[in-house]
Amino acid sequence: MILTWLQLLELGWTFPCMILTWLQLLELGWTFPD
């Protein structure tokens, strides 16, 4: 999951206003669909 998350960061896919949400999803173990 970490690799996928890093890839999304590199692509600039993450939204600044959703950083907290991303962290919460990561804590819940939510994974991105490949």
PDB file of N, CA and C in Angstrom:
ATOM      1  N   MET A   1       0.840  -1.198   0.000  1.00  0.00           N
ATOM      2  CA  MET A   1       0.000   0.000   0.000  1.00  0.00           C
ATOM      3  C   MET A   1       0.881   1.256   0.000  1.00  0.00           C
ATOM      4  N   ILE A   2       1.999   1.165   0.754  1.00  0.00           N
ATOM      5  CA  ILE A   2       2.902   2.312   0.845  1.00  0.00           C
ATOM      6  C   ILE A   2       3.416   2.713  -0.530  1.00  0.00           C
ATOM      7  N   LEU A   3       3.820   1.721  -1.324  1.00  0.00           N
ATOM      8  CA  LEU A   3       4.344   2.022  -2.655  1.00  0.00           C
ATOM      9  C   LEU A   3       3.304   2.738  -3.493  1.00  0.00           C
ATOM     10  N   THR A   4       2.072   2.253  -3.436  1.00  0.00           N
ATOM     11  CA  THR A   4       1.007   2.874  -4.221  1.00  0.00           C
ATOM     12  C   THR A   4       0.775   4.306  -3.754  1.00  0.00           C
ATOM     13  N   TRP A   5       0.804   4.502  -2.439  1.00  0.00           N
ATOM     14  CA  TRP A   5       0.591   5.834  -1.871  1.00  0.00           C
ATOM     15  C   TRP A   5       1.683   6.789  -2.341  1.00  0.00           C
ATOM     16  N   LEU A   6       2.944   6.299  -2.322  1.00  0.00           N
ATOM     17  CA  LEU A   6       4.065   7.128  -2.772  1.00  0.00           C
ATOM     18  C   LEU A   6       3.927   7.461  -4.243  1.00  0.00           C
ATOM     19  N   GLN A   7       3.464   6.501  -5.026  1.00  0.00           N
ATOM     20  CA  GLN A   7       3.281   6.737  -6.460  1.00  0.00           C
ATOM     21  C   GLN A   7       2.259   7.842  -6.683  1.00  0.00           C
ATOM     22  N   LEU A   8       1.179   7.826  -5.906  1.00  0.00           N
ATOM     23  CA  LEU A   8       0.147   8.854  -6.042  1.00  0.00           C
ATOM     24  C   LEU A   8       0.709  10.218  -5.668  1.00  0.00           C
ATOM     25  N   LEU A   9       1.573  10.236  -4.639  1.00  0.00           N
ATOM     26  CA  LEU A   9       2.180  11.500  -4.229  1.00  0.00           C
ATOM     27  C   LEU A   9       3.045  12.039  -5.356  1.00  0.00           C
ATOM     28  N   GLU A  10       3.788  11.154  -6.010  1.00  0.00           N
ATOM     29  CA  GLU A  10       4.663  11.566  -7.101  1.00  0.00           C
ATOM     30  C   GLU A  10       3.845  12.119  -8.259  1.00  0.00           C
ATOM     31  N   LEU A  11       2.659  11.566  -8.454  1.00  0.00           N
ATOM     32  CA  LEU A  11       1.797  12.015  -9.543  1.00  0.00           C
ATOM     33  C   LEU A  11       1.044  13.291  -9.168  1.00  0.00           C
ATOM     34  N   GLY A  12       1.182  13.683  -7.887  1.00  0.00           N
ATOM     35  CA  GLY A  12       0.506  14.897  -7.436  1.00  0.00           C
ATOM     36  C   GLY A  12      -0.999  14.683  -7.353  1.00  0.00           C
ATOM     37  N   TRP A  13      -1.403  13.433  -7.124  1.00  0.00           N
ATOM     38  CA  TRP A  13      -2.831  13.098  -7.116  1.00  0.00           C
ATOM     39  C   TRP A  13      -3.508  13.497  -5.811  1.00  0.00           C
ATOM     40  N   THR A  14      -2.686  13.658  -4.744  1.00  0.00           N
ATOM     41  CA  THR A  14      -3.264  13.983  -3.439  1.00  0.00           C
ATOM     42  C   THR A  14      -3.694  15.438  -3.366  1.00  0.00           C
ATOM     43  N   PHE A  15      -4.766  15.694  -2.653  1.00  0.00           N
ATOM     44  CA  PHE A  15      -5.276  17.055  -2.498  1.00  0.00           C
ATOM     45  C   PHE A  15      -4.886  17.594  -1.124  1.00  0.00           C
ATOM     46  N   PRO A  16      -4.301  18.805  -1.088  1.00  0.00           N
ATOM     47  CA  PRO A  16      -3.862  19.432   0.170  1.00  0.00           C
ATOM     48  C   PRO A  16      -4.957  19.443   1.233  1.00  0.00           C
ATOM     49  N   CYS A  17      -6.187  19.676   0.811  1.00  0.00           N
ATOM     50  CA  CYS A  17      -7.286  19.790   1.769  1.00  0.00           C
ATOM     51  C   CYS A  17      -7.740  18.422   2.280  1.00  0.00           C
ATOM     52  N   MET A  18      -7.165  17.357   1.716  1.00  0.00           N
ATOM     53  CA  MET A  18      -7.601  16.025   2.135  1.00  0.00           C
ATOM     54  C   MET A  18      -6.486  15.245   2.815  1.00  0.00           C
ATOM     55  N   ILE A  19      -5.417  15.948   3.215  1.00  0.00           N
ATOM     56  CA  ILE A  19      -4.292  15.274   3.866  1.00  0.00           C
ATOM     57  C   ILE A  19      -4.765  14.492   5.087  1.00  0.00           C
ATOM     58  N   LEU A  20      -5.596  15.137   5.925  1.00  0.00           N
ATOM     59  CA  LEU A  20      -6.108  14.469   7.113  1.00  0.00           C
ATOM     60  C   LEU A  20      -6.906  13.230   6.726  1.00  0.00           C
ATOM     61  N   THR A  21      -7.689  13.347   5.667  1.00  0.00           N
ATOM     62  CA  THR A  21      -8.493  12.215   5.220  1.00  0.00           C
ATOM     63  C   THR A  21      -7.596  11.080   4.759  1.00  0.00           C
ATOM     64  N   TRP A  22      -6.534  11.423   4.022  1.00  0.00           N
ATOM     65  CA  TRP A  22      -5.592  10.396   3.546  1.00  0.00           C
ATOM     66  C   TRP A  22      -4.996   9.656   4.728  1.00  0.00           C
ATOM     67  N   LEU A  23      -4.573  10.428   5.755  1.00  0.00           N
ATOM     68  CA  LEU A  23      -3.969   9.812   6.929  1.00  0.00           C
ATOM     69  C   LEU A  23      -4.959   8.886   7.620  1.00  0.00           C
ATOM     70  N   GLN A  24      -6.203   9.318   7.695  1.00  0.00           N
ATOM     71  CA  GLN A  24      -7.231   8.501   8.342  1.00  0.00           C
ATOM     72  C   GLN A  24      -7.441   7.204   7.565  1.00  0.00           C
ATOM     73  N   LEU A  25      -7.469   7.312   6.233  1.00  0.00           N
ATOM     74  CA  LEU A  25      -7.668   6.130   5.399  1.00  0.00           C
ATOM     75  C   LEU A  25      -6.492   5.177   5.555  1.00  0.00           C
ATOM     76  N   LEU A  26      -5.291   5.738   5.624  1.00  0.00           N
ATOM     77  CA  LEU A  26      -4.099   4.907   5.790  1.00  0.00           C
ATOM     78  C   LEU A  26      -4.159   4.173   7.124  1.00  0.00           C
ATOM     79  N   GLU A  27      -4.612   4.864   8.149  1.00  0.00           N
ATOM     80  CA  GLU A  27      -4.712   4.256   9.474  1.00  0.00           C
ATOM     81  C   GLU A  27      -5.725   3.118   9.464  1.00  0.00           C
ATOM     82  N   LEU A  28      -6.771   3.273   8.657  1.00  0.00           N
ATOM     83  CA  LEU A  28      -7.809   2.247   8.582  1.00  0.00           C
ATOM     84  C   LEU A  28      -7.381   1.095   7.683  1.00  0.00           C
ATOM     85  N   GLY A  29      -6.225   1.276   7.015  1.00  0.00           N
ATOM     86  CA  GLY A  29      -5.734   0.216   6.151  1.00  0.00           C
ATOM     87  C   GLY A  29      -6.434   0.211   4.806  1.00  0.00           C
ATOM     88  N   TRP A  30      -7.025   1.364   4.446  1.00  0.00           N
ATOM     89  CA  TRP A  30      -7.727   1.445   3.167  1.00  0.00           C
ATOM     90  C   TRP A  30      -6.713   1.476   2.048  1.00  0.00           C
ATOM     91  N   THR A  31      -6.907   0.650   1.026  1.00  0.00           N
ATOM     92  CA  THR A  31      -5.947   0.593  -0.073  1.00  0.00           C
ATOM     93  C   THR A  31      -6.531   1.156  -1.355  1.00  0.00           C
ATOM     94  N   PHE A  32      -5.651   1.703  -2.193  1.00  0.00           N
ATOM     95  CA  PHE A  32      -6.091   2.262  -3.471  1.00  0.00           C
ATOM     96  C   PHE A  32      -6.240   1.152  -4.501  1.00  0.00           C
ATOM     97  N   PRO A  33      -7.289   1.180  -5.309  1.00  0.00           N
ATOM     98  CA  PRO A  33      -7.463   0.188  -6.371  1.00  0.00           C
ATOM     99  C   PRO A  33      -6.413   0.410  -7.449  1.00  0.00           C
ATOM    100  N   ASP A  34      -5.693  -0.637  -7.786  1.00  0.00           N
ATOM    101  CA  ASP A  34      -4.644  -0.506  -8.802  1.00  0.00           C
ATOM    102  C   ASP A  34      -5.231  -0.357 -10.186  1.00  0.00           C
TER     103      ASP A  34
END
